């Protein structure tokens, strides 16, 4: 029994020493860079008069908290993925073809 425990601890130690990128399947694709570009585009759009609302204010706050290292640690790719349907609705509502194209690309390559 003690041996199994030592093996478990050794295995856990090995895991913690390996730096594994959670997006390793996207090797060669700049998912983080593309997510950041889309995030910048989305935030600029939601700052326009008549476009933003309480939902987008909360979304922006989650992003600001991520940048400040506070709250949930959701990076731009995660935030965009978790809210993809709302983002698509916004882009369609606003007739934002550039945003839709960027979102389609990110969905196809990185989600």
PDB file of N, CA and C in Angstrom:
ATOM      1  N   UNK A   1       0.820  -1.194   0.000  1.00  0.00           N
ATOM      2  CA  UNK A   1       0.000   0.000   0.000  1.00  0.00           C
ATOM      3  C   UNK A   1       0.863   1.257   0.000  1.00  0.00           C
ATOM      4  N   UNK A   2       1.909   1.265   0.796  1.00  0.00           N
ATOM      5  CA  UNK A   2       2.791   2.428   0.846  1.00  0.00           C
ATOM      6  C   UNK A   2       3.467   2.647  -0.489  1.00  0.00           C
ATOM      7  N   UNK A   3       3.776   1.578  -1.184  1.00  0.00           N
ATOM      8  CA  UNK A   3       4.437   1.680  -2.484  1.00  0.00           C
ATOM      9  C   UNK A   3       3.536   2.401  -3.483  1.00  0.00           C
ATOM     10  N   UNK A   4       2.271   2.072  -3.495  1.00  0.00           N
ATOM     11  CA  UNK A   4       1.340   2.717  -4.418  1.00  0.00           C
ATOM     12  C   UNK A   4       1.263   4.218  -4.134  1.00  0.00           C
ATOM     13  N   UNK A   5       1.300   4.550  -2.872  1.00  0.00           N
ATOM     14  CA  UNK A   5       1.241   5.955  -2.495  1.00  0.00           C
ATOM     15  C   UNK A   5       2.471   6.700  -3.018  1.00  0.00           C
ATOM     16  N   UNK A   6       3.637   6.080  -2.872  1.00  0.00           N
ATOM     17  CA  UNK A   6       4.865   6.696  -3.372  1.00  0.00           C
ATOM     18  C   UNK A   6       4.802   6.855  -4.886  1.00  0.00           C
ATOM     19  N   UNK A   7       4.266   5.848  -5.579  1.00  0.00           N
ATOM     20  CA  UNK A   7       4.155   5.932  -7.030  1.00  0.00           C
ATOM     21  C   UNK A   7       3.206   7.066  -7.425  1.00  0.00           C
ATOM     22  N   UNK A   8       2.130   7.184  -6.696  1.00  0.00           N
ATOM     23  CA  UNK A   8       1.166   8.247  -6.981  1.00  0.00           C
ATOM     24  C   UNK A   8       1.826   9.614  -6.797  1.00  0.00           C
ATOM     25  N   UNK A   9       2.547   9.775  -5.688  1.00  0.00           N
ATOM     26  CA  UNK A   9       3.218  11.045  -5.438  1.00  0.00           C
ATOM     27  C   UNK A   9       4.253  11.338  -6.505  1.00  0.00           C
ATOM     28  N   UNK A  10       4.988  10.323  -6.960  1.00  0.00           N
ATOM     29  CA  UNK A  10       5.988  10.508  -8.013  1.00  0.00           C
ATOM     30  C   UNK A  10       5.320  10.897  -9.324  1.00  0.00           C
ATOM     31  N   UNK A  11       4.192  10.262  -9.622  1.00  0.00           N
ATOM     32  CA  UNK A  11       3.468  10.582 -10.861  1.00  0.00           C
ATOM     33  C   UNK A  11       2.940  12.012 -10.816  1.00  0.00           C
ATOM     34  N   UNK A  12       2.411  12.420  -9.667  1.00  0.00           N
ATOM     35  CA  UNK A  12       1.914  13.785  -9.517  1.00  0.00           C
ATOM     36  C   UNK A  12       3.056  14.781  -9.646  1.00  0.00           C
ATOM     37  N   UNK A  13       4.194  14.450  -9.097  1.00  0.00           N
ATOM     38  CA  UNK A  13       5.352  15.322  -9.188  1.00  0.00           C
ATOM     39  C   UNK A  13       5.791  15.480 -10.641  1.00  0.00           C
ATOM     40  N   UNK A  14       5.799  14.369 -11.385  1.00  0.00           N
ATOM     41  CA  UNK A  14       6.169  14.421 -12.803  1.00  0.00           C
ATOM     42  C   UNK A  14       5.205  15.309 -13.584  1.00  0.00           C
ATOM     43  N   UNK A  15       3.909  15.224 -13.294  1.00  0.00           N
ATOM     44  CA  UNK A  15       2.907  16.030 -13.987  1.00  0.00           C
ATOM     45  C   UNK A  15       3.150  17.511 -13.735  1.00  0.00           C
ATOM     46  N   UNK A  16       3.438  17.867 -12.498  1.00  0.00           N
ATOM     47  CA  UNK A  16       3.603  19.275 -12.170  1.00  0.00           C
ATOM     48  C   UNK A  16       4.870  19.849 -12.790  1.00  0.00           C
ATOM     49  N   UNK A  17       5.853  19.011 -13.084  1.00  0.00           N
ATOM     50  CA  UNK A  17       7.090  19.485 -13.684  1.00  0.00           C
ATOM     51  C   UNK A  17       6.950  19.711 -15.179  1.00  0.00           C
ATOM     52  N   UNK A  18       5.984  19.084 -15.801  1.00  0.00           N
ATOM     53  CA  UNK A  18       5.789  19.243 -17.235  1.00  0.00           C
ATOM     54  C   UNK A  18       4.939  20.478 -17.488  1.00  0.00           C
ATOM     55  N   UNK A  19       5.426  21.355 -18.354  1.00  0.00           N
ATOM     56  CA  UNK A  19       4.652  22.526 -18.735  1.00  0.00           C
ATOM     57  C   UNK A  19       3.846  22.155 -19.976  1.00  0.00           C
ATOM     58  N   UNK A  20       2.569  21.922 -19.785  1.00  0.00           N
ATOM     59  CA  UNK A  20       1.722  21.502 -20.885  1.00  0.00           C
ATOM     60  C   UNK A  20       0.811  22.653 -21.272  1.00  0.00           C
ATOM     61  N   UNK A  21       0.849  23.029 -22.534  1.00  0.00           N
ATOM     62  CA  UNK A  21      -0.033  24.056 -23.059  1.00  0.00           C
ATOM     63  C   UNK A  21      -1.382  23.424 -23.326  1.00  0.00           C
ATOM     64  N   UNK A  22      -2.454  23.988 -22.760  1.00  0.00           N
ATOM     65  CA  UNK A  22      -3.761  23.369 -22.948  1.00  0.00           C
ATOM     66  C   UNK A  22      -4.228  23.448 -24.390  1.00  0.00           C
ATOM     67  N   UNK A  23      -3.588  24.290 -25.195  1.00  0.00           N
ATOM     68  CA  UNK A  23      -3.964  24.419 -26.594  1.00  0.00           C
ATOM     69  C   UNK A  23      -2.955  23.723 -27.511  1.00  0.00           C
ATOM     70  N   UNK A  24      -2.331  22.667 -27.016  1.00  0.00           N
ATOM     71  CA  UNK A  24      -1.279  21.998 -27.777  1.00  0.00           C
ATOM     72  C   UNK A  24      -1.793  21.468 -29.113  1.00  0.00           C
ATOM     73  N   UNK A  25      -3.074  21.139 -29.216  1.00  0.00           N
ATOM     74  CA  UNK A  25      -3.608  20.632 -30.480  1.00  0.00           C
ATOM     75  C   UNK A  25      -3.698  21.724 -31.534  1.00  0.00           C
ATOM     76  N   UNK A  26      -3.484  22.963 -31.139  1.00  0.00           N
ATOM     77  CA  UNK A  26      -3.536  24.071 -32.081  1.00  0.00           C
ATOM     78  C   UNK A  26      -2.132  24.545 -32.474  1.00  0.00           C
ATOM     79  N   UNK A  27      -1.157  23.660 -32.389  1.00  0.00           N
ATOM     80  CA  UNK A  27       0.226  24.008 -32.702  1.00  0.00           C
ATOM     81  C   UNK A  27       0.291  24.625 -34.095  1.00  0.00           C
ATOM     82  N   UNK A  28       0.971  25.743 -34.198  1.00  0.00           N
ATOM     83  CA  UNK A  28       1.140  26.422 -35.470  1.00  0.00           C
ATOM     84  C   UNK A  28       0.012  27.391 -35.802  1.00  0.00           C
ATOM     85  N   UNK A  29      -1.025  27.436 -34.990  1.00  0.00           N
ATOM     86  CA  UNK A  29      -2.142  28.353 -35.191  1.00  0.00           C
ATOM     87  C   UNK A  29      -2.090  29.374 -34.055  1.00  0.00           C
ATOM     88  N   UNK A  30      -2.145  30.637 -34.392  1.00  0.00           N
ATOM     89  CA  UNK A  30      -2.073  31.682 -33.370  1.00  0.00           C
ATOM     90  C   UNK A  30      -3.451  31.928 -32.758  1.00  0.00           C
ATOM     91  N   UNK A  31      -3.949  30.936 -32.043  1.00  0.00           N
ATOM     92  CA  UNK A  31      -5.282  31.048 -31.438  1.00  0.00           C
ATOM     93  C   UNK A  31      -5.342  32.189 -30.431  1.00  0.00           C
ATOM     94  N   UNK A  32      -4.331  32.329 -29.641  1.00  0.00           N
ATOM     95  CA  UNK A  32      -4.345  33.383 -28.633  1.00  0.00           C
ATOM     96  C   UNK A  32      -4.290  34.760 -29.283  1.00  0.00           C
ATOM     97  N   UNK A  33      -3.467  34.906 -30.310  1.00  0.00           N
ATOM     98  CA  UNK A  33      -3.390  36.185 -31.026  1.00  0.00           C
ATOM     99  C   UNK A  33      -4.686  36.518 -31.741  1.00  0.00           C
ATOM    100  N   UNK A  34      -5.274  35.516 -32.388  1.00  0.00           N
ATOM    101  CA  UNK A  34      -6.547  35.730 -33.078  1.00  0.00           C
ATOM    102  C   UNK A  34      -7.662  36.030 -32.091  1.00  0.00           C
ATOM    103  N   UNK A  35      -7.641  35.364 -30.945  1.00  0.00           N
ATOM    104  CA  UNK A  35      -8.640  35.634 -29.908  1.00  0.00           C
ATOM    105  C   UNK A  35      -8.497  37.061 -29.399  1.00  0.00           C
ATOM    106  N   UNK A  36      -7.268  37.514 -29.230  1.00  0.00           N
ATOM    107  CA  UNK A  36      -7.052  38.878 -28.741  1.00  0.00           C
ATOM    108  C   UNK A  36      -7.548  39.908 -29.754  1.00  0.00           C
ATOM    109  N   UNK A  37      -7.303  39.666 -31.035  1.00  0.00           N
ATOM    110  CA  UNK A  37      -7.799  40.587 -32.068  1.00  0.00           C
ATOM    111  C   UNK A  37      -9.324  40.649 -32.052  1.00  0.00           C
ATOM    112  N   UNK A  38      -9.956  39.493 -31.939  1.00  0.00           N
ATOM    113  CA  UNK A  38     -11.413  39.463 -31.895  1.00  0.00           C
ATOM    114  C   UNK A  38     -11.922  40.140 -30.623  1.00  0.00           C
ATOM    115  N   UNK A  39     -11.241  39.914 -29.514  1.00  0.00           N
ATOM    116  CA  UNK A  39     -11.632  40.551 -28.251  1.00  0.00           C
ATOM    117  C   UNK A  39     -11.549  42.071 -28.395  1.00  0.00           C
ATOM    118  N   UNK A  40     -10.478  42.578 -28.966  1.00  0.00           N
ATOM    119  CA  UNK A  40     -10.328  44.023 -29.162  1.00  0.00           C
ATOM    120  C   UNK A  40     -11.457  44.568 -30.036  1.00  0.00           C
ATOM    121  N   UNK A  41     -11.768  43.844 -31.099  1.00  0.00           N
ATOM    122  CA  UNK A  41     -12.843  44.253 -32.011  1.00  0.00           C
ATOM    123  C   UNK A  41     -14.187  44.272 -31.275  1.00  0.00           C
ATOM    124  N   UNK A  42     -14.452  43.227 -30.516  1.00  0.00           N
ATOM    125  CA  UNK A  42     -15.711  43.115 -29.771  1.00  0.00           C
ATOM    126  C   UNK A  42     -15.849  44.222 -28.734  1.00  0.00           C
ATOM    127  N   UNK A  43     -14.785  44.468 -27.994  1.00  0.00           N
ATOM    128  CA  UNK A  43     -14.839  45.509 -26.965  1.00  0.00           C
ATOM    129  C   UNK A  43     -15.059  46.886 -27.581  1.00  0.00           C
ATOM    130  N   UNK A  44     -14.406  47.151 -28.720  1.00  0.00           N
ATOM    131  CA  UNK A  44     -14.606  48.428 -29.398  1.00  0.00           C
ATOM    132  C   UNK A  44     -16.056  48.570 -29.859  1.00  0.00           C
ATOM    133  N   UNK A  45     -16.621  47.499 -30.378  1.00  0.00           N
ATOM    134  CA  UNK A  45     -18.007  47.528 -30.832  1.00  0.00           C
ATOM    135  C   UNK A  45     -18.966  47.793 -29.678  1.00  0.00           C
ATOM    136  N   UNK A  46     -18.758  47.115 -28.568  1.00  0.00           N
ATOM    137  CA  UNK A  46     -19.690  47.253 -27.437  1.00  0.00           C
ATOM    138  C   UNK A  46     -19.541  48.585 -26.712  1.00  0.00           C
ATOM    139  N   UNK A  47     -18.509  49.334 -27.009  1.00  0.00           N
ATOM    140  CA  UNK A  47     -18.344  50.665 -26.423  1.00  0.00           C
ATOM    141  C   UNK A  47     -19.095  51.734 -27.215  1.00  0.00           C
ATOM    142  N   UNK A  48     -19.554  51.385 -28.412  1.00  0.00           N
ATOM    143  CA  UNK A  48     -20.284  52.353 -29.231  1.00  0.00           C
ATOM    144  C   UNK A  48     -21.648  52.629 -28.611  1.00  0.00           C
ATOM    145  N   UNK A  49     -22.112  53.873 -28.723  1.00  0.00           N
ATOM    146  CA  UNK A  49     -23.418  54.221 -28.167  1.00  0.00           C
ATOM    147  C   UNK A  49     -24.530  53.339 -28.742  1.00  0.00           C
ATOM    148  N   UNK A  50     -25.384  52.865 -27.863  1.00  0.00           N
ATOM    149  CA  UNK A  50     -26.527  52.063 -28.271  1.00  0.00           C
ATOM    150  C   UNK A  50     -26.225  50.594 -28.504  1.00  0.00           C
ATOM    151  N   UNK A  51     -24.976  50.182 -28.365  1.00  0.00           N
ATOM    152  CA  UNK A  51     -24.614  48.780 -28.614  1.00  0.00           C
ATOM    153  C   UNK A  51     -24.427  48.028 -27.300  1.00  0.00           C
ATOM    154  N   UNK A  52     -23.725  48.620 -26.379  1.00  0.00           N
ATOM    155  CA  UNK A  52     -23.443  47.957 -25.107  1.00  0.00           C
ATOM    156  C   UNK A  52     -24.680  47.838 -24.237  1.00  0.00           C
ATOM    157  N   UNK A  53     -24.591  46.945 -23.276  1.00  0.00           N
ATOM    158  CA  UNK A  53     -25.657  46.767 -22.283  1.00  0.00           C
ATOM    159  C   UNK A  53     -25.037  46.116 -21.051  1.00  0.00           C
ATOM    160  N   UNK A  54     -25.851  45.737 -20.092  1.00  0.00           N
ATOM    161  CA  UNK A  54     -25.335  45.167 -18.843  1.00  0.00           C
ATOM    162  C   UNK A  54     -24.559  43.874 -19.084  1.00  0.00           C
ATOM    163  N   UNK A  55     -25.005  43.071 -20.054  1.00  0.00           N
ATOM    164  CA  UNK A  55     -24.283  41.831 -20.354  1.00  0.00           C
ATOM    165  C   UNK A  55     -22.867  42.132 -20.805  1.00  0.00           C
ATOM    166  N   UNK A  56     -22.725  43.064 -21.753  1.00  0.00           N
ATOM    167  CA  UNK A  56     -21.394  43.379 -22.273  1.00  0.00           C
ATOM    168  C   UNK A  56     -20.548  44.101 -21.238  1.00  0.00           C
ATOM    169  N   UNK A  57     -21.175  44.841 -20.330  1.00  0.00           N
ATOM    170  CA  UNK A  57     -20.430  45.451 -19.226  1.00  0.00           C
ATOM    171  C   UNK A  57     -19.826  44.358 -18.342  1.00  0.00           C
ATOM    172  N   UNK A  58     -20.615  43.334 -18.039  1.00  0.00           N
ATOM    173  CA  UNK A  58     -20.133  42.206 -17.222  1.00  0.00           C
ATOM    174  C   UNK A  58     -19.033  41.447 -17.963  1.00  0.00           C
ATOM    175  N   UNK A  59     -19.223  41.234 -19.252  1.00  0.00           N
ATOM    176  CA  UNK A  59     -18.220  40.563 -20.079  1.00  0.00           C
ATOM    177  C   UNK A  59     -16.899  41.334 -20.025  1.00  0.00           C
ATOM    178  N   UNK A  60     -16.983  42.650 -20.221  1.00  0.00           N
ATOM    179  CA  UNK A  60     -15.792  43.508 -20.180  1.00  0.00           C
ATOM    180  C   UNK A  60     -15.115  43.421 -18.814  1.00  0.00           C
ATOM    181  N   UNK A  61     -15.920  43.404 -17.748  1.00  0.00           N
ATOM    182  CA  UNK A  61     -15.350  43.327 -16.399  1.00  0.00           C
ATOM    183  C   UNK A  61     -14.610  42.008 -16.188  1.00  0.00           C
ATOM    184  N   UNK A  62     -15.136  40.921 -16.717  1.00  0.00           N
ATOM    185  CA  UNK A  62     -14.434  39.638 -16.615  1.00  0.00           C
ATOM    186  C   UNK A  62     -13.082  39.716 -17.308  1.00  0.00           C
ATOM    187  N   UNK A  63     -13.034  40.367 -18.442  1.00  0.00           N
ATOM    188  CA  UNK A  63     -11.777  40.521 -19.177  1.00  0.00           C
ATOM    189  C   UNK A  63     -10.802  41.417 -18.406  1.00  0.00           C
ATOM    190  N   UNK A  64     -11.309  42.516 -17.872  1.00  0.00           N
ATOM    191  CA  UNK A  64     -10.473  43.421 -17.079  1.00  0.00           C
ATOM    192  C   UNK A  64      -9.920  42.686 -15.858  1.00  0.00           C
ATOM    193  N   UNK A  65     -10.764  41.894 -15.207  1.00  0.00           N
ATOM    194  CA  UNK A  65     -10.310  41.110 -14.057  1.00  0.00           C
ATOM    195  C   UNK A  65      -9.224  40.126 -14.461  1.00  0.00           C
ATOM    196  N   UNK A  66      -9.386  39.498 -15.613  1.00  0.00           N
ATOM    197  CA  UNK A  66      -8.349  38.577 -16.115  1.00  0.00           C
ATOM    198  C   UNK A  66      -7.028  39.332 -16.296  1.00  0.00           C
ATOM    199  N   UNK A  67      -7.084  40.491 -16.912  1.00  0.00           N
ATOM    200  CA  UNK A  67      -5.864  41.272 -17.135  1.00  0.00           C
ATOM    201  C   UNK A  67      -5.194  41.678 -15.829  1.00  0.00           C
ATOM    202  N   UNK A  68      -6.013  41.941 -14.815  1.00  0.00           N
ATOM    203  CA  UNK A  68      -5.494  42.372 -13.515  1.00  0.00           C
ATOM    204  C   UNK A  68      -5.104  41.192 -12.629  1.00  0.00           C
ATOM    205  N   UNK A  69      -5.363  39.966 -13.096  1.00  0.00           N
ATOM    206  CA  UNK A  69      -5.033  38.795 -12.287  1.00  0.00           C
ATOM    207  C   UNK A  69      -5.998  38.581 -11.137  1.00  0.00           C
ATOM    208  N   UNK A  70      -7.216  39.115 -11.266  1.00  0.00           N
ATOM    209  CA  UNK A  70      -8.226  38.977 -10.215  1.00  0.00           C
ATOM    210  C   UNK A  70      -9.353  38.088 -10.719  1.00  0.00           C
ATOM    211  N   UNK A  71     -10.151  37.631  -9.792  1.00  0.00           N
ATOM    212  CA  UNK A  71     -11.342  36.871 -10.162  1.00  0.00           C
ATOM    213  C   UNK A  71     -11.005  35.603 -10.916  1.00  0.00           C
ATOM    214  N   UNK A  72     -11.913  35.222 -11.785  1.00  0.00           N
ATOM    215  CA  UNK A  72     -11.708  34.022 -12.596  1.00  0.00           C
ATOM    216  C   UNK A  72     -10.572  34.260 -13.581  1.00  0.00           C
ATOM    217  N   UNK A  73      -9.821  33.253 -13.839  1.00  0.00           N
ATOM    218  CA  UNK A  73      -8.641  33.382 -14.702  1.00  0.00           C
ATOM    219  C   UNK A  73      -8.968  32.948 -16.133  1.00  0.00           C
ATOM    220  N   UNK A  74     -10.011  33.538 -16.717  1.00  0.00           N
ATOM    221  CA  UNK A  74     -10.421  33.169 -18.061  1.00  0.00           C
ATOM    222  C   UNK A  74      -9.742  34.076 -19.076  1.00  0.00           C
ATOM    223  N   UNK A  75      -8.920  33.481 -19.930  1.00  0.00           N
ATOM    224  CA  UNK A  75      -8.233  34.240 -20.958  1.00  0.00           C
ATOM    225  C   UNK A  75      -9.200  34.594 -22.089  1.00  0.00           C
ATOM    226  N   UNK A  76      -8.766  35.444 -23.037  1.00  0.00           N
ATOM    227  CA  UNK A  76      -9.672  35.854 -24.110  1.00  0.00           C
ATOM    228  C   UNK A  76     -10.264  34.687 -24.900  1.00  0.00           C
ATOM    229  N   UNK A  77      -9.485  33.667 -25.195  1.00  0.00           N
ATOM    230  CA  UNK A  77     -10.006  32.541 -25.963  1.00  0.00           C
ATOM    231  C   UNK A  77     -11.140  31.859 -25.200  1.00  0.00           C
ATOM    232  N   UNK A  78     -10.964  31.677 -23.917  1.00  0.00           N
ATOM    233  CA  UNK A  78     -12.010  31.053 -23.106  1.00  0.00           C
ATOM    234  C   UNK A  78     -13.264  31.934 -23.063  1.00  0.00           C
ATOM    235  N   UNK A  79     -13.080  33.224 -22.792  1.00  0.00           N
ATOM    236  CA  UNK A  79     -14.230  34.128 -22.704  1.00  0.00           C
ATOM    237  C   UNK A  79     -15.008  34.175 -24.008  1.00  0.00           C
ATOM    238  N   UNK A  80     -14.298  34.210 -25.119  1.00  0.00           N
ATOM    239  CA  UNK A  80     -14.973  34.241 -26.418  1.00  0.00           C
ATOM    240  C   UNK A  80     -15.715  32.931 -26.666  1.00  0.00           C
ATOM    241  N   UNK A  81     -15.062  31.826 -26.372  1.00  0.00           N
ATOM    242  CA  UNK A  81     -15.685  30.523 -26.596  1.00  0.00           C
ATOM    243  C   UNK A  81     -16.931  30.361 -25.732  1.00  0.00           C
ATOM    244  N   UNK A  82     -16.850  30.769 -24.490  1.00  0.00           N
ATOM    245  CA  UNK A  82     -17.970  30.607 -23.561  1.00  0.00           C
ATOM    246  C   UNK A  82     -19.171  31.479 -23.937  1.00  0.00           C
ATOM    247  N   UNK A  83     -18.933  32.515 -24.731  1.00  0.00           N
ATOM    248  CA  UNK A  83     -19.993  33.454 -25.081  1.00  0.00           C
ATOM    249  C   UNK A  83     -20.217  33.558 -26.585  1.00  0.00           C
ATOM    250  N   UNK A  84     -19.808  32.534 -27.309  1.00  0.00           N
ATOM    251  CA  UNK A  84     -19.813  32.584 -28.771  1.00  0.00           C
ATOM    252  C   UNK A  84     -21.194  32.884 -29.345  1.00  0.00           C
ATOM    253  N   UNK A  85     -22.248  32.355 -28.770  1.00  0.00           N
ATOM    254  CA  UNK A  85     -23.585  32.577 -29.321  1.00  0.00           C
ATOM    255  C   UNK A  85     -24.028  34.035 -29.147  1.00  0.00           C
ATOM    256  N   UNK A  86     -23.701  34.631 -28.015  1.00  0.00           N
ATOM    257  CA  UNK A  86     -24.038  36.032 -27.783  1.00  0.00           C
ATOM    258  C   UNK A  86     -23.230  36.942 -28.711  1.00  0.00           C
ATOM    259  N   UNK A  87     -21.979  36.586 -28.902  1.00  0.00           N
ATOM    260  CA  UNK A  87     -21.107  37.372 -29.780  1.00  0.00           C
ATOM    261  C   UNK A  87     -21.627  37.312 -31.213  1.00  0.00           C
ATOM    262  N   UNK A  88     -21.964  36.112 -31.667  1.00  0.00           N
ATOM    263  CA  UNK A  88     -22.498  35.956 -33.027  1.00  0.00           C
ATOM    264  C   UNK A  88     -23.784  36.773 -33.189  1.00  0.00           C
ATOM    265  N   UNK A  89     -24.661  36.694 -32.206  1.00  0.00           N
ATOM    266  CA  UNK A  89     -25.904  37.473 -32.267  1.00  0.00           C
ATOM    267  C   UNK A  89     -25.612  38.968 -32.381  1.00  0.00           C
ATOM    268  N   UNK A  90     -24.672  39.453 -31.605  1.00  0.00           N
ATOM    269  CA  UNK A  90     -24.320  40.867 -31.636  1.00  0.00           C
ATOM    270  C   UNK A  90     -23.785  41.263 -33.010  1.00  0.00           C
ATOM    271  N   UNK A  91     -22.855  40.482 -33.534  1.00  0.00           N
ATOM    272  CA  UNK A  91     -22.279  40.796 -34.840  1.00  0.00           C
ATOM    273  C   UNK A  91     -23.350  40.769 -35.932  1.00  0.00           C
ATOM    274  N   UNK A  92     -24.234  39.793 -35.875  1.00  0.00           N
ATOM    275  CA  UNK A  92     -25.311  39.725 -36.868  1.00  0.00           C
ATOM    276  C   UNK A  92     -26.250  40.915 -36.721  1.00  0.00           C
ATOM    277  N   UNK A  93     -26.602  41.245 -35.495  1.00  0.00           N
ATOM    278  CA  UNK A  93     -27.490  42.378 -35.230  1.00  0.00           C
ATOM    279  C   UNK A  93     -26.895  43.683 -35.740  1.00  0.00           C
ATOM    280  N   UNK A  94     -25.582  43.829 -35.597  1.00  0.00           N
ATOM    281  CA  UNK A  94     -24.898  45.059 -35.997  1.00  0.00           C
ATOM    282  C   UNK A  94     -24.443  45.030 -37.461  1.00  0.00           C
ATOM    283  N   UNK A  95     -24.645  43.905 -38.147  1.00  0.00           N
ATOM    284  CA  UNK A  95     -24.193  43.789 -39.537  1.00  0.00           C
ATOM    285  C   UNK A  95     -22.681  43.854 -39.646  1.00  0.00           C
ATOM    286  N   UNK A  96     -22.006  43.331 -38.665  1.00  0.00           N
ATOM    287  CA  UNK A  96     -20.537  43.391 -38.575  1.00  0.00           C
ATOM    288  C   UNK A  96     -19.927  42.180 -39.288  1.00  0.00           C
ATOM    289  N   UNK A  97     -19.713  42.318 -40.583  1.00  0.00           N
ATOM    290  CA  UNK A  97     -19.164  41.215 -41.380  1.00  0.00           C
ATOM    291  C   UNK A  97     -17.732  40.884 -40.980  1.00  0.00           C
ATOM    292  N   UNK A  98     -16.947  41.889 -40.649  1.00  0.00           N
ATOM    293  CA  UNK A  98     -15.562  41.650 -40.219  1.00  0.00           C
ATOM    294  C   UNK A  98     -15.546  40.833 -38.929  1.00  0.00           C
ATOM    295  N   UNK A  99     -16.391  41.177 -37.989  1.00  0.00           N
ATOM    296  CA  UNK A  99     -16.478  40.441 -36.742  1.00  0.00           C
ATOM    297  C   UNK A  99     -16.943  39.011 -36.965  1.00  0.00           C
ATOM    298  N   UNK A 100     -17.945  38.831 -37.822  1.00  0.00           N
ATOM    299  CA  UNK A 100     -18.441  37.480 -38.121  1.00  0.00           C
ATOM    300  C   UNK A 100     -17.373  36.621 -38.771  1.00  0.00           C
ATOM    301  N   UNK A 101     -16.632  37.207 -39.690  1.00  0.00           N
ATOM    302  CA  UNK A 101     -15.567  36.454 -40.360  1.00  0.00           C
ATOM    303  C   UNK A 101     -14.480  36.041 -39.362  1.00  0.00           C
ATOM    304  N   UNK A 102     -14.088  36.952 -38.498  1.00  0.00           N
ATOM    305  CA  UNK A 102     -13.072  36.644 -37.484  1.00  0.00           C
ATOM    306  C   UNK A 102     -13.580  35.586 -36.506  1.00  0.00           C
ATOM    307  N   UNK A 103     -14.848  35.678 -36.147  1.00  0.00           N
ATOM    308  CA  UNK A 103     -15.439  34.697 -35.231  1.00  0.00           C
ATOM    309  C   UNK A 103     -15.505  33.322 -35.893  1.00  0.00           C
ATOM    310  N   UNK A 104     -15.924  33.275 -37.154  1.00  0.00           N
ATOM    311  CA  UNK A 104     -15.970  32.001 -37.878  1.00  0.00           C
ATOM    312  C   UNK A 104     -14.591  31.349 -37.931  1.00  0.00           C
ATOM    313  N   UNK A 105     -13.586  32.148 -38.213  1.00  0.00           N
ATOM    314  CA  UNK A 105     -12.216  31.625 -38.289  1.00  0.00           C
ATOM    315  C   UNK A 105     -11.756  31.083 -36.937  1.00  0.00           C
ATOM    316  N   UNK A 106     -12.029  31.832 -35.892  1.00  0.00           N
ATOM    317  CA  UNK A 106     -11.633  31.392 -34.562  1.00  0.00           C
ATOM    318  C   UNK A 106     -12.370  30.117 -34.166  1.00  0.00           C
ATOM    319  N   UNK A 107     -13.662  30.049 -34.465  1.00  0.00           N
ATOM    320  CA  UNK A 107     -14.434  28.844 -34.158  1.00  0.00           C
ATOM    321  C   UNK A 107     -13.895  27.624 -34.911  1.00  0.00           C
ATOM    322  N   UNK A 108     -13.624  27.813 -36.168  1.00  0.00           N
ATOM    323  CA  UNK A 108     -13.160  26.704 -37.008  1.00  0.00           C
ATOM    324  C   UNK A 108     -11.782  26.201 -36.599  1.00  0.00           C
ATOM    325  N   UNK A 109     -10.911  27.114 -36.244  1.00  0.00           N
ATOM    326  CA  UNK A 109      -9.527  26.724 -35.976  1.00  0.00           C
ATOM    327  C   UNK A 109      -9.208  26.480 -34.508  1.00  0.00           C
ATOM    328  N   UNK A 110      -9.931  27.116 -33.609  1.00  0.00           N
ATOM    329  CA  UNK A 110      -9.463  27.122 -32.220  1.00  0.00           C
ATOM    330  C   UNK A 110     -10.454  26.670 -31.150  1.00  0.00           C
ATOM    331  N   UNK A 111     -11.737  26.545 -31.463  1.00  0.00           N
ATOM    332  CA  UNK A 111     -12.686  26.152 -30.425  1.00  0.00           C
ATOM    333  C   UNK A 111     -12.860  24.665 -30.440  1.00  0.00           C
TER     334      UNK A 111
END
